[in-house]
């Protein structure tokens, strides 16, 4: 998969744009900056935005090209992002985070539940975890997103994976995305938000 993402991110353009995802921005703008983890950071639009808002930003992704473009974007904003090249299957950390934001970070079933459990352990008590992902309806609604239905999520699936957390939002909706050339048009998504009890 790293080769797939390196090929996608090899173009000079930022395929998902340079502005943060709207839900990501909405979630962190309501918080006091602390330490944030951005799994599946890609070309860095969300991680860099967090850094510009004063967050100590950790990003993970398997794409070397994604990291290179993140560093370029961070430099234009005069901020730093700690970006680790890592596979979700192997990622481990002893750090805990005030926020974790996963935006269109889709994992196969064999990895999804285990990685989500890691994220629960990485979240500080009182911390916020938030997710925006495509639902199976995206296969009909839009021309972008994963084409394998097993890589798409449902609200019930996320409720099960994060049952240990206090769920604040978990809703499926249709929206219109305007995020670069690769996320542009109608989309069927889930917005999920949860906090870890103190």
N, C-alpha and C. Protein backbone atom coordinates (compact mmCIF):
# COMPACT_ATOMS: atom_id res chain seq x y z
N UNK A 1 0.82 -1.21 0.00
CA UNK A 1 0.00 0.00 0.00
C UNK A 1 0.85 1.27 0.00
N UNK A 2 2.07 1.20 0.55
CA UNK A 2 2.92 2.39 0.56
C UNK A 2 3.22 2.84 -0.86
N UNK A 3 3.43 1.88 -1.77
CA UNK A 3 3.70 2.21 -3.17
C UNK A 3 2.48 2.88 -3.81
N UNK A 4 1.30 2.41 -3.46
CA UNK A 4 0.06 3.01 -3.98
C UNK A 4 -0.03 4.48 -3.58
N UNK A 5 0.19 4.77 -2.31
CA UNK A 5 0.08 6.15 -1.82
C UNK A 5 1.23 7.01 -2.32
N UNK A 6 2.43 6.44 -2.42
CA UNK A 6 3.56 7.22 -2.96
C UNK A 6 3.27 7.64 -4.40
N UNK A 7 2.67 6.74 -5.18
CA UNK A 7 2.33 7.07 -6.56
C UNK A 7 1.27 8.18 -6.60
N UNK A 8 0.27 8.08 -5.73
CA UNK A 8 -0.80 9.08 -5.70
C UNK A 8 -0.27 10.45 -5.28
N UNK A 9 0.66 10.47 -4.34
CA UNK A 9 1.18 11.74 -3.81
C UNK A 9 2.39 12.27 -4.59
N UNK A 10 2.80 11.57 -5.65
CA UNK A 10 4.00 11.98 -6.39
C UNK A 10 3.79 13.27 -7.18
N UNK A 11 2.54 13.58 -7.53
CA UNK A 11 2.26 14.79 -8.30
C UNK A 11 2.62 16.03 -7.50
N UNK A 12 2.90 17.12 -8.20
CA UNK A 12 3.23 18.37 -7.53
C UNK A 12 2.02 18.93 -6.77
N UNK A 13 0.83 18.70 -7.32
CA UNK A 13 -0.39 19.19 -6.65
C UNK A 13 -0.64 18.41 -5.36
N UNK A 14 -1.34 19.05 -4.43
CA UNK A 14 -1.82 18.37 -3.23
C UNK A 14 -3.19 17.80 -3.57
N UNK A 15 -3.26 16.48 -3.74
CA UNK A 15 -4.45 15.87 -4.33
C UNK A 15 -5.70 16.03 -3.48
N UNK A 16 -5.53 16.23 -2.16
CA UNK A 16 -6.68 16.50 -1.29
C UNK A 16 -6.70 17.95 -0.82
N UNK A 17 -5.92 18.79 -1.48
CA UNK A 17 -5.87 20.20 -1.13
C UNK A 17 -4.93 20.46 0.04
N UNK A 18 -4.75 21.74 0.34
CA UNK A 18 -3.88 22.13 1.45
C UNK A 18 -4.67 22.66 2.65
N UNK A 19 -5.95 22.92 2.47
CA UNK A 19 -6.79 23.38 3.58
C UNK A 19 -7.21 22.19 4.43
N UNK A 20 -7.40 22.38 5.73
CA UNK A 20 -7.81 21.25 6.56
C UNK A 20 -9.22 20.79 6.23
N UNK A 21 -9.49 19.54 6.52
CA UNK A 21 -10.85 19.02 6.45
C UNK A 21 -11.75 19.83 7.39
N UNK A 22 -12.95 20.15 6.95
CA UNK A 22 -13.84 21.01 7.74
C UNK A 22 -14.14 20.45 9.13
N UNK A 23 -14.37 19.14 9.22
CA UNK A 23 -14.69 18.53 10.52
C UNK A 23 -13.47 18.55 11.43
N UNK A 24 -12.29 18.26 10.86
CA UNK A 24 -11.05 18.34 11.64
C UNK A 24 -10.90 19.73 12.23
N UNK A 25 -11.07 20.73 11.39
CA UNK A 25 -10.93 22.12 11.84
C UNK A 25 -11.94 22.45 12.93
N UNK A 26 -13.19 22.07 12.70
CA UNK A 26 -14.24 22.34 13.67
C UNK A 26 -13.93 21.71 15.03
N UNK A 27 -13.44 20.48 15.00
CA UNK A 27 -13.17 19.76 16.26
C UNK A 27 -12.02 20.40 17.03
N UNK A 28 -10.91 20.70 16.36
CA UNK A 28 -9.77 21.21 17.14
C UNK A 28 -9.92 22.69 17.48
N UNK A 29 -10.69 23.42 16.68
CA UNK A 29 -10.86 24.85 16.99
C UNK A 29 -11.62 25.05 18.30
N UNK A 30 -12.33 24.02 18.75
CA UNK A 30 -13.08 24.13 20.00
C UNK A 30 -12.26 23.70 21.21
N UNK A 31 -10.99 23.31 20.99
CA UNK A 31 -10.16 22.77 22.07
C UNK A 31 -8.98 23.69 22.38
N UNK A 32 -8.47 23.55 23.60
CA UNK A 32 -7.22 24.20 23.97
C UNK A 32 -6.07 23.39 23.38
N UNK A 33 -5.16 24.01 22.62
CA UNK A 33 -4.08 23.24 22.01
C UNK A 33 -3.27 22.44 23.03
N UNK A 34 -2.94 21.24 22.65
CA UNK A 34 -2.12 20.34 23.45
C UNK A 34 -1.33 19.46 22.50
N UNK A 35 -1.36 18.16 22.72
CA UNK A 35 -0.65 17.21 21.87
C UNK A 35 -1.69 16.44 21.05
N UNK A 36 -1.49 16.40 19.72
CA UNK A 36 -2.46 15.75 18.84
C UNK A 36 -1.76 14.71 17.97
N UNK A 37 -2.48 13.61 17.71
CA UNK A 37 -2.01 12.56 16.80
C UNK A 37 -2.92 12.54 15.58
N UNK A 38 -2.29 12.51 14.40
CA UNK A 38 -3.04 12.48 13.14
C UNK A 38 -2.62 11.24 12.35
N UNK A 39 -3.31 10.10 12.55
CA UNK A 39 -3.00 8.90 11.78
C UNK A 39 -3.48 9.06 10.33
N UNK A 40 -2.76 8.42 9.40
CA UNK A 40 -3.14 8.54 7.99
C UNK A 40 -3.04 9.97 7.51
N UNK A 41 -1.95 10.63 7.87
CA UNK A 41 -1.82 12.08 7.66
C UNK A 41 -1.66 12.47 6.20
N UNK A 42 -1.25 11.52 5.33
CA UNK A 42 -1.15 11.82 3.91
C UNK A 42 -0.22 12.98 3.62
N UNK A 43 -0.73 13.97 2.87
CA UNK A 43 0.08 15.12 2.47
C UNK A 43 0.10 16.22 3.52
N UNK A 44 -0.57 15.99 4.65
CA UNK A 44 -0.36 16.84 5.81
C UNK A 44 -1.29 18.01 6.02
N UNK A 45 -2.37 18.11 5.25
CA UNK A 45 -3.22 19.30 5.37
C UNK A 45 -3.77 19.49 6.78
N UNK A 46 -4.20 18.40 7.43
CA UNK A 46 -4.75 18.52 8.78
C UNK A 46 -3.66 18.69 9.83
N UNK A 47 -2.59 17.92 9.70
CA UNK A 47 -1.50 18.01 10.67
C UNK A 47 -0.88 19.40 10.67
N UNK A 48 -0.68 19.96 9.48
CA UNK A 48 -0.09 21.29 9.40
C UNK A 48 -1.05 22.34 9.98
N UNK A 49 -2.33 22.20 9.70
CA UNK A 49 -3.28 23.15 10.29
C UNK A 49 -3.21 23.11 11.81
N UNK A 50 -3.18 21.90 12.36
CA UNK A 50 -3.10 21.78 13.82
C UNK A 50 -1.85 22.49 14.35
N UNK A 51 -0.73 22.30 13.67
CA UNK A 51 0.52 22.95 14.10
C UNK A 51 0.40 24.47 14.06
N UNK A 52 -0.29 25.00 13.05
CA UNK A 52 -0.45 26.46 12.97
C UNK A 52 -1.30 27.00 14.10
N UNK A 53 -2.10 26.12 14.71
CA UNK A 53 -2.96 26.55 15.82
C UNK A 53 -2.31 26.32 17.18
N UNK A 54 -1.04 25.94 17.17
CA UNK A 54 -0.30 25.80 18.42
C UNK A 54 -0.25 24.40 18.98
N UNK A 55 -0.73 23.40 18.21
CA UNK A 55 -0.70 22.01 18.69
C UNK A 55 0.69 21.40 18.49
N UNK A 56 1.11 20.59 19.45
CA UNK A 56 2.28 19.72 19.32
C UNK A 56 1.80 18.54 18.48
N UNK A 57 2.19 18.52 17.21
CA UNK A 57 1.55 17.64 16.24
C UNK A 57 2.40 16.44 15.88
N UNK A 58 1.83 15.25 16.06
CA UNK A 58 2.43 13.99 15.64
C UNK A 58 1.58 13.44 14.50
N UNK A 59 2.22 13.06 13.41
CA UNK A 59 1.52 12.49 12.27
C UNK A 59 2.12 11.14 11.94
N UNK A 60 1.29 10.21 11.48
CA UNK A 60 1.80 8.91 11.01
C UNK A 60 1.17 8.58 9.67
N UNK A 61 1.97 7.97 8.81
CA UNK A 61 1.50 7.51 7.51
C UNK A 61 2.59 6.62 6.94
N UNK A 62 2.24 5.78 5.97
CA UNK A 62 3.22 4.90 5.37
C UNK A 62 3.87 5.50 4.12
N UNK A 63 3.43 6.68 3.71
CA UNK A 63 3.91 7.26 2.45
C UNK A 63 5.07 8.22 2.66
N UNK A 64 6.21 7.90 2.05
CA UNK A 64 7.37 8.79 2.07
C UNK A 64 7.06 10.07 1.30
N UNK A 65 6.35 9.94 0.18
CA UNK A 65 5.98 11.13 -0.60
C UNK A 65 5.02 12.02 0.19
N UNK A 66 4.13 11.39 0.95
CA UNK A 66 3.22 12.17 1.80
C UNK A 66 3.99 12.97 2.83
N UNK A 67 5.01 12.35 3.41
CA UNK A 67 5.83 13.06 4.39
C UNK A 67 6.57 14.23 3.75
N UNK A 68 7.13 14.00 2.55
CA UNK A 68 7.87 15.06 1.86
C UNK A 68 6.97 16.27 1.62
N UNK A 69 5.73 16.02 1.18
CA UNK A 69 4.82 17.12 0.89
C UNK A 69 4.35 17.79 2.18
N UNK A 70 4.21 17.03 3.23
CA UNK A 70 3.87 17.62 4.53
C UNK A 70 4.96 18.57 4.99
N UNK A 71 6.21 18.16 4.83
CA UNK A 71 7.31 19.02 5.24
C UNK A 71 7.35 20.31 4.43
N UNK A 72 7.03 20.20 3.13
CA UNK A 72 6.95 21.41 2.29
C UNK A 72 5.84 22.33 2.76
N UNK A 73 4.68 21.75 3.03
CA UNK A 73 3.54 22.56 3.47
C UNK A 73 3.81 23.19 4.84
N UNK A 74 4.43 22.43 5.73
CA UNK A 74 4.76 22.95 7.06
C UNK A 74 5.74 24.11 6.93
N UNK A 75 6.69 23.99 6.04
CA UNK A 75 7.69 25.05 5.86
C UNK A 75 7.04 26.34 5.38
N UNK A 76 6.05 26.22 4.50
CA UNK A 76 5.38 27.44 4.02
C UNK A 76 4.62 28.15 5.13
N UNK A 77 4.23 27.40 6.16
CA UNK A 77 3.52 27.99 7.30
C UNK A 77 4.44 28.23 8.50
N UNK A 78 5.73 27.91 8.32
CA UNK A 78 6.72 28.11 9.39
C UNK A 78 6.35 27.37 10.68
N UNK A 79 5.92 26.10 10.52
CA UNK A 79 5.58 25.26 11.68
C UNK A 79 6.29 23.92 11.53
N UNK A 80 6.27 23.15 12.61
CA UNK A 80 6.90 21.84 12.63
C UNK A 80 5.86 20.75 12.87
N UNK A 81 5.97 19.68 12.12
CA UNK A 81 5.15 18.48 12.31
C UNK A 81 6.08 17.30 12.47
N UNK A 82 5.92 16.53 13.54
CA UNK A 82 6.69 15.30 13.75
C UNK A 82 5.97 14.18 13.00
N UNK A 83 6.50 13.79 11.85
CA UNK A 83 5.83 12.87 10.93
C UNK A 83 6.59 11.56 10.88
N UNK A 84 5.96 10.49 11.34
CA UNK A 84 6.60 9.17 11.40
C UNK A 84 6.08 8.29 10.27
N UNK A 85 7.01 7.68 9.53
CA UNK A 85 6.62 6.69 8.52
C UNK A 85 6.35 5.38 9.24
N UNK A 86 5.11 4.93 9.21
CA UNK A 86 4.74 3.72 9.94
C UNK A 86 3.50 3.08 9.32
N UNK A 87 3.44 1.78 9.42
CA UNK A 87 2.27 1.01 9.00
C UNK A 87 1.35 0.87 10.21
N UNK A 88 0.06 0.98 10.00
CA UNK A 88 -0.90 0.86 11.11
C UNK A 88 -0.76 -0.46 11.84
N UNK A 89 -0.39 -1.50 11.12
CA UNK A 89 -0.25 -2.82 11.74
C UNK A 89 0.88 -2.86 12.75
N UNK A 90 1.90 -2.04 12.54
CA UNK A 90 3.09 -2.09 13.39
C UNK A 90 3.22 -0.91 14.35
N UNK A 91 2.35 0.08 14.21
CA UNK A 91 2.53 1.32 14.98
C UNK A 91 2.32 1.09 16.48
N UNK A 92 3.28 1.55 17.24
CA UNK A 92 3.17 1.54 18.70
C UNK A 92 3.73 2.85 19.24
N UNK A 93 3.20 3.29 20.36
CA UNK A 93 3.72 4.48 21.02
C UNK A 93 3.37 4.43 22.49
N UNK A 94 4.21 5.01 23.32
CA UNK A 94 3.91 5.12 24.75
C UNK A 94 3.36 6.51 25.07
N UNK A 95 3.27 7.36 24.05
CA UNK A 95 2.75 8.71 24.26
C UNK A 95 1.24 8.68 24.40
N UNK A 96 0.72 9.68 25.09
CA UNK A 96 -0.73 9.88 25.14
C UNK A 96 -1.04 11.27 24.61
N UNK A 97 -2.24 11.40 24.05
CA UNK A 97 -2.58 12.60 23.31
C UNK A 97 -3.87 13.24 23.81
N UNK A 98 -3.91 14.57 23.71
CA UNK A 98 -5.12 15.31 24.09
C UNK A 98 -6.19 15.19 23.02
N UNK A 99 -5.77 14.91 21.79
CA UNK A 99 -6.71 14.75 20.68
C UNK A 99 -6.12 13.78 19.66
N UNK A 100 -6.99 13.03 19.03
CA UNK A 100 -6.63 12.15 17.92
C UNK A 100 -7.64 12.39 16.82
N UNK A 101 -7.16 12.76 15.63
CA UNK A 101 -8.06 13.03 14.51
C UNK A 101 -7.77 12.12 13.33
N UNK A 102 -8.74 11.30 12.97
CA UNK A 102 -8.58 10.37 11.84
C UNK A 102 -9.56 10.76 10.74
N UNK A 103 -9.04 11.32 9.68
CA UNK A 103 -9.85 11.82 8.58
C UNK A 103 -9.61 10.97 7.33
N UNK A 104 -10.64 10.24 6.92
CA UNK A 104 -10.58 9.34 5.76
C UNK A 104 -9.40 8.38 5.86
N UNK A 105 -9.22 7.86 7.07
CA UNK A 105 -8.19 6.85 7.31
C UNK A 105 -8.91 5.50 7.41
N UNK A 106 -9.00 4.83 6.28
CA UNK A 106 -9.75 3.58 6.17
C UNK A 106 -8.80 2.39 6.27
N UNK A 107 -9.14 1.45 7.12
CA UNK A 107 -8.32 0.26 7.31
C UNK A 107 -9.12 -0.99 6.99
N UNK A 108 -8.47 -2.05 6.53
CA UNK A 108 -9.18 -3.31 6.31
C UNK A 108 -9.61 -3.92 7.65
N UNK A 109 -10.64 -4.76 7.63
CA UNK A 109 -11.17 -5.33 8.88
C UNK A 109 -10.11 -6.00 9.75
N UNK A 110 -9.13 -6.63 9.14
CA UNK A 110 -8.11 -7.34 9.91
C UNK A 110 -7.27 -6.39 10.76
N UNK A 111 -7.22 -5.11 10.38
CA UNK A 111 -6.43 -4.12 11.13
C UNK A 111 -7.29 -3.14 11.92
N UNK A 112 -8.49 -2.87 11.44
CA UNK A 112 -9.28 -1.75 11.95
C UNK A 112 -9.51 -1.80 13.45
N UNK A 113 -10.10 -2.87 13.94
CA UNK A 113 -10.47 -2.94 15.36
C UNK A 113 -9.24 -2.85 16.26
N UNK A 114 -8.17 -3.53 15.87
CA UNK A 114 -6.94 -3.51 16.69
C UNK A 114 -6.33 -2.12 16.72
N UNK A 115 -6.32 -1.43 15.57
CA UNK A 115 -5.74 -0.09 15.55
C UNK A 115 -6.61 0.87 16.35
N UNK A 116 -7.90 0.75 16.23
CA UNK A 116 -8.78 1.62 17.01
C UNK A 116 -8.60 1.40 18.51
N UNK A 117 -8.34 0.17 18.91
CA UNK A 117 -8.09 -0.10 20.32
C UNK A 117 -6.79 0.59 20.78
N UNK A 118 -5.78 0.58 19.91
CA UNK A 118 -4.54 1.31 20.22
C UNK A 118 -4.83 2.79 20.44
N UNK A 119 -5.72 3.34 19.62
CA UNK A 119 -6.04 4.76 19.73
C UNK A 119 -6.74 5.08 21.06
N UNK A 120 -7.55 4.17 21.53
CA UNK A 120 -8.19 4.36 22.85
C UNK A 120 -7.12 4.46 23.93
N UNK A 121 -6.12 3.59 23.86
CA UNK A 121 -5.05 3.60 24.86
C UNK A 121 -4.17 4.84 24.74
N UNK A 122 -4.06 5.38 23.52
CA UNK A 122 -3.22 6.56 23.28
C UNK A 122 -3.90 7.86 23.73
N UNK A 123 -5.20 7.81 23.96
CA UNK A 123 -5.95 9.02 24.28
C UNK A 123 -5.88 9.31 25.78
N UNK A 124 -5.55 10.54 26.14
CA UNK A 124 -5.53 10.93 27.55
C UNK A 124 -6.95 10.95 28.12
N UNK A 125 -7.11 10.69 29.41
CA UNK A 125 -8.41 10.92 30.04
C UNK A 125 -8.87 12.36 29.79
N UNK A 126 -10.08 12.51 29.34
CA UNK A 126 -10.59 13.83 28.98
C UNK A 126 -10.27 14.23 27.56
N UNK A 127 -9.48 13.41 26.85
CA UNK A 127 -9.09 13.73 25.48
C UNK A 127 -10.22 13.46 24.49
N UNK A 128 -10.07 14.02 23.29
CA UNK A 128 -11.10 13.91 22.26
C UNK A 128 -10.56 13.13 21.07
N UNK A 129 -11.34 12.15 20.63
CA UNK A 129 -11.05 11.40 19.41
C UNK A 129 -12.15 11.69 18.40
N UNK A 130 -11.76 12.01 17.17
CA UNK A 130 -12.79 12.31 16.16
C UNK A 130 -12.40 11.72 14.81
N UNK A 131 -13.42 11.35 14.06
CA UNK A 131 -13.24 10.59 12.82
C UNK A 131 -14.23 11.09 11.77
N UNK A 132 -13.75 11.20 10.54
CA UNK A 132 -14.65 11.35 9.39
C UNK A 132 -14.23 10.33 8.35
N UNK A 133 -15.19 9.50 7.92
CA UNK A 133 -14.91 8.41 6.98
C UNK A 133 -16.11 8.19 6.06
N UNK A 134 -15.88 7.44 5.01
CA UNK A 134 -16.95 7.09 4.07
C UNK A 134 -17.72 5.87 4.55
N UNK A 135 -19.01 5.85 4.21
CA UNK A 135 -19.88 4.70 4.48
C UNK A 135 -19.99 3.85 3.20
N UNK A 136 -20.57 2.65 3.29
CA UNK A 136 -20.78 1.84 2.08
C UNK A 136 -21.62 2.55 1.01
N UNK A 137 -22.47 3.48 1.43
CA UNK A 137 -23.29 4.21 0.45
C UNK A 137 -22.44 5.03 -0.50
N UNK A 138 -21.18 5.29 -0.15
CA UNK A 138 -20.30 6.06 -1.02
C UNK A 138 -20.04 5.34 -2.33
N UNK A 139 -20.18 4.03 -2.34
CA UNK A 139 -20.00 3.27 -3.57
C UNK A 139 -21.03 3.67 -4.62
N UNK A 140 -22.18 4.17 -4.16
CA UNK A 140 -23.23 4.64 -5.07
C UNK A 140 -23.20 6.16 -5.19
N UNK A 141 -22.95 6.84 -4.05
CA UNK A 141 -23.05 8.31 -4.00
C UNK A 141 -21.96 9.01 -4.79
N UNK A 142 -20.71 8.56 -4.61
CA UNK A 142 -19.58 9.32 -5.15
C UNK A 142 -18.64 8.46 -5.96
N UNK A 143 -17.74 9.13 -6.68
CA UNK A 143 -16.79 8.44 -7.54
C UNK A 143 -15.43 8.27 -6.85
N UNK A 144 -15.29 8.71 -5.61
CA UNK A 144 -14.01 8.64 -4.92
C UNK A 144 -14.18 7.90 -3.60
N UNK A 145 -13.07 7.60 -2.96
CA UNK A 145 -13.10 6.80 -1.74
C UNK A 145 -12.79 5.34 -2.05
N UNK A 146 -12.59 4.50 -1.02
CA UNK A 146 -12.28 3.09 -1.24
C UNK A 146 -13.36 2.38 -2.06
N UNK A 147 -12.94 1.51 -2.96
CA UNK A 147 -13.88 0.76 -3.80
C UNK A 147 -14.23 -0.60 -3.21
N UNK A 148 -13.53 -0.97 -2.14
CA UNK A 148 -13.76 -2.25 -1.45
C UNK A 148 -14.70 -1.99 -0.28
N UNK A 149 -15.89 -2.60 -0.30
CA UNK A 149 -16.88 -2.33 0.74
C UNK A 149 -16.37 -2.69 2.13
N UNK A 150 -15.44 -3.64 2.22
CA UNK A 150 -14.93 -4.02 3.53
C UNK A 150 -14.05 -2.93 4.15
N UNK A 151 -13.65 -1.94 3.33
CA UNK A 151 -12.84 -0.82 3.83
C UNK A 151 -13.70 0.37 4.26
N UNK A 152 -15.00 0.26 4.09
CA UNK A 152 -15.92 1.34 4.42
C UNK A 152 -16.57 1.07 5.76
N UNK A 153 -16.97 2.14 6.46
CA UNK A 153 -17.39 2.02 7.85
C UNK A 153 -18.87 2.36 8.03
N UNK A 154 -19.44 1.84 9.10
CA UNK A 154 -20.80 2.19 9.50
C UNK A 154 -20.76 2.79 10.90
N UNK A 155 -21.82 3.50 11.25
CA UNK A 155 -21.91 4.07 12.60
C UNK A 155 -21.89 2.97 13.65
N UNK A 156 -22.55 1.86 13.37
CA UNK A 156 -22.58 0.74 14.31
C UNK A 156 -21.18 0.16 14.54
N UNK A 157 -20.40 0.09 13.48
CA UNK A 157 -19.04 -0.42 13.57
C UNK A 157 -18.19 0.46 14.48
N UNK A 158 -18.28 1.77 14.30
CA UNK A 158 -17.49 2.69 15.13
C UNK A 158 -17.97 2.67 16.58
N UNK A 159 -19.28 2.56 16.78
CA UNK A 159 -19.81 2.48 18.14
C UNK A 159 -19.26 1.25 18.86
N UNK A 160 -19.11 0.16 18.14
CA UNK A 160 -18.55 -1.05 18.74
C UNK A 160 -17.07 -0.93 19.03
N UNK A 161 -16.33 -0.39 18.06
CA UNK A 161 -14.88 -0.25 18.24
C UNK A 161 -14.53 0.66 19.40
N UNK A 162 -15.35 1.70 19.61
CA UNK A 162 -15.03 2.71 20.63
C UNK A 162 -16.03 2.70 21.79
N UNK A 163 -16.54 1.52 22.09
CA UNK A 163 -17.53 1.39 23.17
C UNK A 163 -16.97 1.81 24.52
N UNK A 164 -15.65 1.76 24.70
CA UNK A 164 -15.02 2.16 25.96
C UNK A 164 -15.06 3.67 26.17
N UNK A 165 -15.27 4.41 25.09
CA UNK A 165 -15.28 5.87 25.18
C UNK A 165 -16.71 6.39 25.36
N UNK A 166 -16.80 7.64 25.74
CA UNK A 166 -18.10 8.31 25.84
C UNK A 166 -18.38 8.96 24.49
N UNK A 167 -19.31 8.40 23.74
CA UNK A 167 -19.59 8.86 22.39
C UNK A 167 -20.46 10.11 22.42
N UNK A 168 -19.98 11.14 21.74
CA UNK A 168 -20.66 12.43 21.70
C UNK A 168 -21.40 12.66 20.38
N UNK A 169 -20.90 12.07 19.31
CA UNK A 169 -21.51 12.21 17.98
C UNK A 169 -21.17 10.97 17.18
N UNK A 170 -22.16 10.44 16.47
CA UNK A 170 -21.94 9.28 15.61
C UNK A 170 -23.07 9.23 14.60
N UNK A 171 -22.90 10.01 13.53
CA UNK A 171 -24.02 10.11 12.58
C UNK A 171 -23.55 9.97 11.15
N UNK A 172 -24.39 9.29 10.38
CA UNK A 172 -24.17 9.15 8.96
C UNK A 172 -24.92 10.26 8.24
N UNK A 173 -24.28 10.86 7.25
CA UNK A 173 -24.90 11.95 6.53
C UNK A 173 -24.35 12.04 5.12
N UNK A 174 -25.05 12.79 4.29
CA UNK A 174 -24.56 13.10 2.95
C UNK A 174 -24.09 14.55 2.93
N UNK A 175 -22.98 14.79 2.27
CA UNK A 175 -22.42 16.13 2.19
C UNK A 175 -21.79 16.31 0.82
N UNK A 176 -21.22 17.46 0.60
CA UNK A 176 -20.46 17.72 -0.62
C UNK A 176 -19.05 18.12 -0.21
N UNK A 177 -18.09 17.38 -0.69
CA UNK A 177 -16.69 17.66 -0.37
C UNK A 177 -16.05 18.51 -1.46
N UNK A 178 -15.18 19.40 -1.04
CA UNK A 178 -14.40 20.22 -1.96
C UNK A 178 -12.98 20.25 -1.42
N UNK A 179 -12.29 19.11 -1.57
CA UNK A 179 -10.97 18.90 -0.98
C UNK A 179 -10.00 18.44 -2.08
N UNK A 180 -9.48 19.39 -2.83
CA UNK A 180 -8.58 19.04 -3.91
C UNK A 180 -9.30 18.32 -5.04
N UNK A 181 -8.51 17.70 -5.91
CA UNK A 181 -9.09 17.02 -7.07
C UNK A 181 -9.61 15.63 -6.76
N UNK A 182 -9.21 15.04 -5.61
CA UNK A 182 -9.55 13.65 -5.32
C UNK A 182 -10.72 13.48 -4.36
N UNK A 183 -11.17 14.56 -3.74
CA UNK A 183 -12.38 14.53 -2.89
C UNK A 183 -13.24 15.71 -3.31
N UNK A 184 -13.96 15.55 -4.40
CA UNK A 184 -14.72 16.67 -4.93
C UNK A 184 -16.06 16.17 -5.45
N UNK A 185 -17.12 16.48 -4.69
CA UNK A 185 -18.46 16.05 -5.08
C UNK A 185 -19.23 15.47 -3.91
N UNK A 186 -20.34 14.81 -4.24
CA UNK A 186 -21.21 14.24 -3.21
C UNK A 186 -20.50 13.12 -2.46
N UNK A 187 -20.79 13.04 -1.16
CA UNK A 187 -20.15 12.02 -0.34
C UNK A 187 -21.10 11.54 0.76
N UNK A 188 -21.06 10.24 1.02
CA UNK A 188 -21.79 9.64 2.14
C UNK A 188 -20.78 9.32 3.23
N UNK A 189 -20.93 9.99 4.37
CA UNK A 189 -19.88 9.93 5.39
C UNK A 189 -20.45 9.67 6.78
N UNK A 190 -19.55 9.41 7.70
CA UNK A 190 -19.84 9.37 9.14
C UNK A 190 -18.98 10.42 9.81
N UNK A 191 -19.56 11.15 10.73
CA UNK A 191 -18.80 12.00 11.64
C UNK A 191 -18.98 11.44 13.04
N UNK A 192 -17.83 11.13 13.64
CA UNK A 192 -17.81 10.45 14.93
C UNK A 192 -16.92 11.24 15.89
N UNK A 193 -17.40 11.41 17.10
CA UNK A 193 -16.63 12.14 18.11
C UNK A 193 -16.86 11.46 19.46
N UNK A 194 -15.78 11.26 20.21
CA UNK A 194 -15.89 10.62 21.52
C UNK A 194 -14.79 11.12 22.44
N UNK A 195 -15.04 11.02 23.72
CA UNK A 195 -14.05 11.45 24.72
C UNK A 195 -13.78 10.30 25.68
N UNK A 196 -12.61 10.34 26.28
CA UNK A 196 -12.22 9.33 27.25
C UNK A 196 -12.57 9.83 28.65
N UNK A 197 -13.29 9.00 29.40
CA UNK A 197 -13.72 9.42 30.73
C UNK A 197 -12.51 9.65 31.63
N UNK A 198 -12.63 10.67 32.44
CA UNK A 198 -11.54 10.99 33.36
C UNK A 198 -11.50 10.00 34.51
